């Protein structure tokens, strides 16, 4: 996942704590994963997230109850 503020080229990481809440919500919907490295995290888009972006779905998928 990349930051829109940087034109979509910088990865979204724990270096941008203001994006943590949004990243967690996207993770809960299965649109990204958040891997932990060196005490921080980095967001990576999933296949479901790519599909959503490519097809401009009007509603993101909801996580199924566990």
PDB file of N, CA and C in Angstrom:
ATOM      1  N   UNK A   1       0.853  -1.164   0.000  1.00  0.00           N
ATOM      2  CA  UNK A   1       0.000   0.000   0.000  1.00  0.00           C
ATOM      3  C   UNK A   1       0.895   1.221   0.000  1.00  0.00           C
ATOM      4  N   UNK A   2       0.525   2.207  -0.763  1.00  0.00           N
ATOM      5  CA  UNK A   2       1.338   3.413  -0.840  1.00  0.00           C
ATOM      6  C   UNK A   2       0.539   4.629  -0.403  1.00  0.00           C
ATOM      7  N   UNK A   3       1.245   5.615   0.004  1.00  0.00           N
ATOM      8  CA  UNK A   3       0.625   6.835   0.508  1.00  0.00           C
ATOM      9  C   UNK A   3       0.154   7.738  -0.622  1.00  0.00           C
ATOM     10  N   UNK A   4      -1.095   8.150  -0.555  1.00  0.00           N
ATOM     11  CA  UNK A   4      -1.646   9.047  -1.580  1.00  0.00           C
ATOM     12  C   UNK A   4      -0.966  10.409  -1.539  1.00  0.00           C
ATOM     13  N   UNK A   5      -0.532  10.810  -0.357  1.00  0.00           N
ATOM     14  CA  UNK A   5       0.098  12.122  -0.239  1.00  0.00           C
ATOM     15  C   UNK A   5       1.389  12.203  -1.043  1.00  0.00           C
ATOM     16  N   UNK A   6       2.032  11.066  -1.259  1.00  0.00           N
ATOM     17  CA  UNK A   6       3.306  11.081  -1.978  1.00  0.00           C
ATOM     18  C   UNK A   6       3.135  10.652  -3.424  1.00  0.00           C
ATOM     19  N   UNK A   7       1.929  10.707  -3.932  1.00  0.00           N
ATOM     20  CA  UNK A   7       1.698  10.301  -5.305  1.00  0.00           C
ATOM     21  C   UNK A   7       1.650   8.796  -5.471  1.00  0.00           C
ATOM     22  N   UNK A   8       1.524   8.070  -4.359  1.00  0.00           N
ATOM     23  CA  UNK A   8       1.385   6.628  -4.424  1.00  0.00           C
ATOM     24  C   UNK A   8       2.691   5.881  -4.560  1.00  0.00           C
ATOM     25  N   UNK A   9       3.817   6.494  -4.226  1.00  0.00           N
ATOM     26  CA  UNK A   9       5.087   5.803  -4.410  1.00  0.00           C
ATOM     27  C   UNK A   9       5.747   5.358  -3.115  1.00  0.00           C
ATOM     28  N   UNK A  10       5.405   5.937  -1.983  1.00  0.00           N
ATOM     29  CA  UNK A  10       6.019   5.563  -0.714  1.00  0.00           C
ATOM     30  C   UNK A  10       5.178   4.501  -0.008  1.00  0.00           C
ATOM     31  N   UNK A  11       5.813   3.465   0.553  1.00  0.00           N
ATOM     32  CA  UNK A  11       5.043   2.457   1.270  1.00  0.00           C
ATOM     33  C   UNK A  11       4.431   3.042   2.542  1.00  0.00           C
ATOM     34  N   UNK A  12       3.286   2.525   2.932  1.00  0.00           N
ATOM     35  CA  UNK A  12       2.649   2.946   4.172  1.00  0.00           C
ATOM     36  C   UNK A  12       3.216   2.080   5.281  1.00  0.00           C
ATOM     37  N   UNK A  13       3.839   2.722   6.262  1.00  0.00           N
ATOM     38  CA  UNK A  13       4.488   2.019   7.362  1.00  0.00           C
ATOM     39  C   UNK A  13       4.165   2.701   8.683  1.00  0.00           C
ATOM     40  N   UNK A  14       4.695   2.126   9.754  1.00  0.00           N
ATOM     41  CA  UNK A  14       4.520   2.737  11.069  1.00  0.00           C
ATOM     42  C   UNK A  14       5.247   4.076  11.165  1.00  0.00           C
ATOM     43  N   UNK A  15       6.031   4.428  10.158  1.00  0.00           N
ATOM     44  CA  UNK A  15       6.636   5.763  10.110  1.00  0.00           C
ATOM     45  C   UNK A  15       5.573   6.836   9.861  1.00  0.00           C
ATOM     46  N   UNK A  16       4.365   6.413   9.449  1.00  0.00           N
ATOM     47  CA  UNK A  16       3.225   7.319   9.244  1.00  0.00           C
ATOM     48  C   UNK A  16       2.114   6.924  10.209  1.00  0.00           C
ATOM     49  N   UNK A  17       2.284   7.200  11.509  1.00  0.00           N
ATOM     50  CA  UNK A  17       1.312   6.737  12.501  1.00  0.00           C
ATOM     51  C   UNK A  17      -0.098   7.280  12.278  1.00  0.00           C
ATOM     52  N   UNK A  18      -0.228   8.402  11.574  1.00  0.00           N
ATOM     53  CA  UNK A  18      -1.554   8.953  11.309  1.00  0.00           C
ATOM     54  C   UNK A  18      -2.373   8.053  10.385  1.00  0.00           C
ATOM     55  N   UNK A  19      -1.724   7.105   9.712  1.00  0.00           N
ATOM     56  CA  UNK A  19      -2.430   6.185   8.812  1.00  0.00           C
ATOM     57  C   UNK A  19      -2.750   4.838   9.474  1.00  0.00           C
ATOM     58  N   UNK A  20      -2.354   4.657  10.717  1.00  0.00           N
ATOM     59  CA  UNK A  20      -2.529   3.370  11.392  1.00  0.00           C
ATOM     60  C   UNK A  20      -3.998   2.966  11.504  1.00  0.00           C
ATOM     61  N   UNK A  21      -4.871   3.886  11.868  1.00  0.00           N
ATOM     62  CA  UNK A  21      -6.293   3.563  12.026  1.00  0.00           C
ATOM     63  C   UNK A  21      -6.891   3.122  10.690  1.00  0.00           C
ATOM     64  N   UNK A  22      -6.577   3.852   9.626  1.00  0.00           N
ATOM     65  CA  UNK A  22      -7.077   3.508   8.292  1.00  0.00           C
ATOM     66  C   UNK A  22      -6.513   2.168   7.842  1.00  0.00           C
ATOM     67  N   UNK A  23      -5.219   1.965   8.070  1.00  0.00           N
ATOM     68  CA  UNK A  23      -4.590   0.698   7.684  1.00  0.00           C
ATOM     69  C   UNK A  23      -5.241  -0.470   8.420  1.00  0.00           C
ATOM     70  N   UNK A  24      -5.521  -0.315   9.692  1.00  0.00           N
ATOM     71  CA  UNK A  24      -6.162  -1.391  10.470  1.00  0.00           C
ATOM     72  C   UNK A  24      -7.554  -1.687   9.903  1.00  0.00           C
ATOM     73  N   UNK A  25      -8.307  -0.667   9.539  1.00  0.00           N
ATOM     74  CA  UNK A  25      -9.647  -0.876   8.966  1.00  0.00           C
ATOM     75  C   UNK A  25      -9.553  -1.618   7.630  1.00  0.00           C
ATOM     76  N   UNK A  26      -8.583  -1.254   6.798  1.00  0.00           N
ATOM     77  CA  UNK A  26      -8.396  -1.950   5.518  1.00  0.00           C
ATOM     78  C   UNK A  26      -7.968  -3.394   5.740  1.00  0.00           C
ATOM     79  N   UNK A  27      -7.132  -3.614   6.753  1.00  0.00           N
ATOM     80  CA  UNK A  27      -6.707  -4.973   7.101  1.00  0.00           C
ATOM     81  C   UNK A  27      -7.900  -5.805   7.551  1.00  0.00           C
ATOM     82  N   UNK A  28      -8.752  -5.234   8.372  1.00  0.00           N
ATOM     83  CA  UNK A  28      -9.941  -5.942   8.862  1.00  0.00           C
ATOM     84  C   UNK A  28     -10.885  -6.321   7.725  1.00  0.00           C
ATOM     85  N   UNK A  29     -10.825  -5.605   6.619  1.00  0.00           N
ATOM     86  CA  UNK A  29     -11.662  -5.899   5.444  1.00  0.00           C
ATOM     87  C   UNK A  29     -10.951  -6.806   4.435  1.00  0.00           C
ATOM     88  N   UNK A  30      -9.708  -7.191   4.750  1.00  0.00           N
ATOM     89  CA  UNK A  30      -8.968  -8.082   3.882  1.00  0.00           C
ATOM     90  C   UNK A  30      -8.350  -7.409   2.672  1.00  0.00           C
ATOM     91  N   UNK A  31      -8.299  -6.073   2.685  1.00  0.00           N
ATOM     92  CA  UNK A  31      -7.770  -5.335   1.529  1.00  0.00           C
ATOM     93  C   UNK A  31      -6.254  -5.166   1.592  1.00  0.00           C
ATOM     94  N   UNK A  32      -5.673  -5.253   2.795  1.00  0.00           N
ATOM     95  CA  UNK A  32      -4.225  -5.190   2.974  1.00  0.00           C
ATOM     96  C   UNK A  32      -3.812  -6.177   4.057  1.00  0.00           C
ATOM     97  N   UNK A  33      -2.513  -6.454   4.105  1.00  0.00           N
ATOM     98  CA  UNK A  33      -1.914  -7.147   5.248  1.00  0.00           C
ATOM     99  C   UNK A  33      -0.974  -6.150   5.905  1.00  0.00           C
ATOM    100  N   UNK A  34      -0.678  -6.382   7.158  1.00  0.00           N
ATOM    101  CA  UNK A  34       0.259  -5.524   7.878  1.00  0.00           C
ATOM    102  C   UNK A  34       1.327  -6.428   8.489  1.00  0.00           C
ATOM    103  N   UNK A  35       2.496  -6.458   7.857  1.00  0.00           N
ATOM    104  CA  UNK A  35       3.581  -7.279   8.381  1.00  0.00           C
ATOM    105  C   UNK A  35       4.388  -6.475   9.392  1.00  0.00           C
ATOM    106  N   UNK A  36       4.892  -7.189  10.393  1.00  0.00           N
ATOM    107  CA  UNK A  36       5.694  -6.540  11.431  1.00  0.00           C
ATOM    108  C   UNK A  36       7.170  -6.808  11.164  1.00  0.00           C
ATOM    109  N   UNK A  37       7.952  -5.725  11.203  1.00  0.00           N
ATOM    110  CA  UNK A  37       9.400  -5.820  11.005  1.00  0.00           C
ATOM    111  C   UNK A  37      10.087  -4.779  11.872  1.00  0.00           C
ATOM    112  N   UNK A  38      11.137  -5.194  12.553  1.00  0.00           N
ATOM    113  CA  UNK A  38      11.969  -4.267  13.342  1.00  0.00           C
ATOM    114  C   UNK A  38      11.143  -3.374  14.265  1.00  0.00           C
ATOM    115  N   UNK A  39      10.123  -3.931  14.898  1.00  0.00           N
ATOM    116  CA  UNK A  39       9.305  -3.174  15.836  1.00  0.00           C
ATOM    117  C   UNK A  39       8.256  -2.280  15.193  1.00  0.00           C
ATOM    118  N   UNK A  40       8.135  -2.303  13.888  1.00  0.00           N
ATOM    119  CA  UNK A  40       7.141  -1.485  13.186  1.00  0.00           C
ATOM    120  C   UNK A  40       6.289  -2.358  12.287  1.00  0.00           C
ATOM    121  N   UNK A  41       5.505  -1.747  11.434  1.00  0.00           N
ATOM    122  CA  UNK A  41       4.675  -2.488  10.487  1.00  0.00           C
ATOM    123  C   UNK A  41       4.749  -1.843   9.117  1.00  0.00           C
ATOM    124  N   UNK A  42       4.403  -2.648   8.106  1.00  0.00           N
ATOM    125  CA  UNK A  42       4.307  -2.154   6.730  1.00  0.00           C
ATOM    126  C   UNK A  42       3.076  -2.774   6.105  1.00  0.00           C
ATOM    127  N   UNK A  43       2.290  -1.963   5.428  1.00  0.00           N
ATOM    128  CA  UNK A  43       1.066  -2.423   4.768  1.00  0.00           C
ATOM    129  C   UNK A  43       1.382  -2.904   3.360  1.00  0.00           C
ATOM    130  N   UNK A  44       0.756  -4.024   2.983  1.00  0.00           N
ATOM    131  CA  UNK A  44       0.877  -4.576   1.628  1.00  0.00           C
ATOM    132  C   UNK A  44      -0.528  -4.869   1.121  1.00  0.00           C
ATOM    133  N   UNK A  45      -0.818  -4.475  -0.101  1.00  0.00           N
ATOM    134  CA  UNK A  45      -2.145  -4.708  -0.664  1.00  0.00           C
ATOM    135  C   UNK A  45      -2.320  -6.195  -0.985  1.00  0.00           C
ATOM    136  N   UNK A  46      -3.530  -6.708  -0.789  1.00  0.00           N
ATOM    137  CA  UNK A  46      -3.851  -8.104  -1.091  1.00  0.00           C
ATOM    138  C   UNK A  46      -4.463  -8.195  -2.482  1.00  0.00           C
ATOM    139  N   UNK A  47      -4.657  -9.424  -2.951  1.00  0.00           N
ATOM    140  CA  UNK A  47      -5.328  -9.624  -4.239  1.00  0.00           C
ATOM    141  C   UNK A  47      -6.744  -9.051  -4.202  1.00  0.00           C
ATOM    142  N   UNK A  48      -7.421  -9.206  -3.065  1.00  0.00           N
ATOM    143  CA  UNK A  48      -8.771  -8.653  -2.909  1.00  0.00           C
ATOM    144  C   UNK A  48      -8.717  -7.127  -3.001  1.00  0.00           C
ATOM    145  N   UNK A  49      -7.716  -6.519  -2.379  1.00  0.00           N
ATOM    146  CA  UNK A  49      -7.552  -5.071  -2.448  1.00  0.00           C
ATOM    147  C   UNK A  49      -7.291  -4.587  -3.866  1.00  0.00           C
ATOM    148  N   UNK A  50      -6.452  -5.320  -4.606  1.00  0.00           N
ATOM    149  CA  UNK A  50      -6.194  -4.964  -6.005  1.00  0.00           C
ATOM    150  C   UNK A  50      -7.468  -5.070  -6.838  1.00  0.00           C
ATOM    151  N   UNK A  51      -8.217  -6.151  -6.621  1.00  0.00           N
ATOM    152  CA  UNK A  51      -9.470  -6.337  -7.351  1.00  0.00           C
ATOM    153  C   UNK A  51     -10.406  -5.163  -7.081  1.00  0.00           C
ATOM    154  N   UNK A  52     -10.524  -4.794  -5.817  1.00  0.00           N
ATOM    155  CA  UNK A  52     -11.381  -3.677  -5.430  1.00  0.00           C
ATOM    156  C   UNK A  52     -10.959  -2.396  -6.154  1.00  0.00           C
ATOM    157  N   UNK A  53      -9.657  -2.110  -6.165  1.00  0.00           N
ATOM    158  CA  UNK A  53      -9.169  -0.899  -6.842  1.00  0.00           C
ATOM    159  C   UNK A  53      -9.395  -0.950  -8.343  1.00  0.00           C
ATOM    160  N   UNK A  54      -9.124  -2.092  -8.952  1.00  0.00           N
ATOM    161  CA  UNK A  54      -9.262  -2.226 -10.402  1.00  0.00           C
ATOM    162  C   UNK A  54     -10.708  -2.125 -10.865  1.00  0.00           C
ATOM    163  N   UNK A  55     -11.628  -2.577 -10.039  1.00  0.00           N
ATOM    164  CA  UNK A  55     -13.033  -2.591 -10.434  1.00  0.00           C
ATOM    165  C   UNK A  55     -13.845  -1.467  -9.796  1.00  0.00           C
ATOM    166  N   UNK A  56     -13.169  -0.626  -9.028  1.00  0.00           N
ATOM    167  CA  UNK A  56     -13.809   0.522  -8.397  1.00  0.00           C
ATOM    168  C   UNK A  56     -15.143   0.151  -7.757  1.00  0.00           C
ATOM    169  N   UNK A  57     -15.119  -0.908  -6.988  1.00  0.00           N
ATOM    170  CA  UNK A  57     -16.326  -1.354  -6.291  1.00  0.00           C
ATOM    171  C   UNK A  57     -16.861  -0.236  -5.413  1.00  0.00           C
ATOM    172  N   UNK A  58     -18.158  -0.172  -5.305  1.00  0.00           N
ATOM    173  CA  UNK A  58     -18.761   0.875  -4.491  1.00  0.00           C
ATOM    174  C   UNK A  58     -18.713   0.546  -3.007  1.00  0.00           C
ATOM    175  N   UNK A  59     -18.582  -0.728  -2.661  1.00  0.00           N
ATOM    176  CA  UNK A  59     -18.498  -1.118  -1.256  1.00  0.00           C
ATOM    177  C   UNK A  59     -17.350  -2.095  -1.063  1.00  0.00           C
ATOM    178  N   UNK A  60     -16.464  -1.804  -0.117  1.00  0.00           N
ATOM    179  CA  UNK A  60     -15.413  -2.765   0.171  1.00  0.00           C
ATOM    180  C   UNK A  60     -16.002  -3.994   0.857  1.00  0.00           C
ATOM    181  N   UNK A  61     -15.383  -5.151   0.669  1.00  0.00           N
ATOM    182  CA  UNK A  61     -15.897  -6.346   1.325  1.00  0.00           C
ATOM    183  C   UNK A  61     -15.777  -6.245   2.826  1.00  0.00           C
ATOM    184  N   UNK A  62     -16.700  -6.843   3.525  1.00  0.00           N
ATOM    185  CA  UNK A  62     -16.670  -6.874   4.986  1.00  0.00           C
ATOM    186  C   UNK A  62     -16.041  -8.171   5.445  1.00  0.00           C
ATOM    187  N   UNK A  63     -15.321  -8.114   6.520  1.00  0.00           N
ATOM    188  CA  UNK A  63     -14.739  -9.321   7.089  1.00  0.00           C
ATOM    189  C   UNK A  63     -15.865 -10.187   7.624  1.00  0.00           C
ATOM    190  N   UNK A  64     -15.726 -11.495   7.445  1.00  0.00           N
ATOM    191  CA  UNK A  64     -16.741 -12.383   7.986  1.00  0.00           C
ATOM    192  C   UNK A  64     -16.533 -12.539   9.486  1.00  0.00           C
ATOM    193  N   UNK A  65     -17.622 -12.655  10.239  1.00  0.00           N
ATOM    194  CA  UNK A  65     -17.488 -12.766  11.692  1.00  0.00           C
ATOM    195  C   UNK A  65     -16.715 -14.028  12.061  1.00  0.00           C
ATOM    196  N   UNK A  66     -15.856 -13.910  13.056  1.00  0.00           N
ATOM    197  CA  UNK A  66     -15.084 -15.070  13.483  1.00  0.00           C
ATOM    198  C   UNK A  66     -15.653 -15.696  14.728  1.00  0.00           C
TER     199      UNK A  66
END
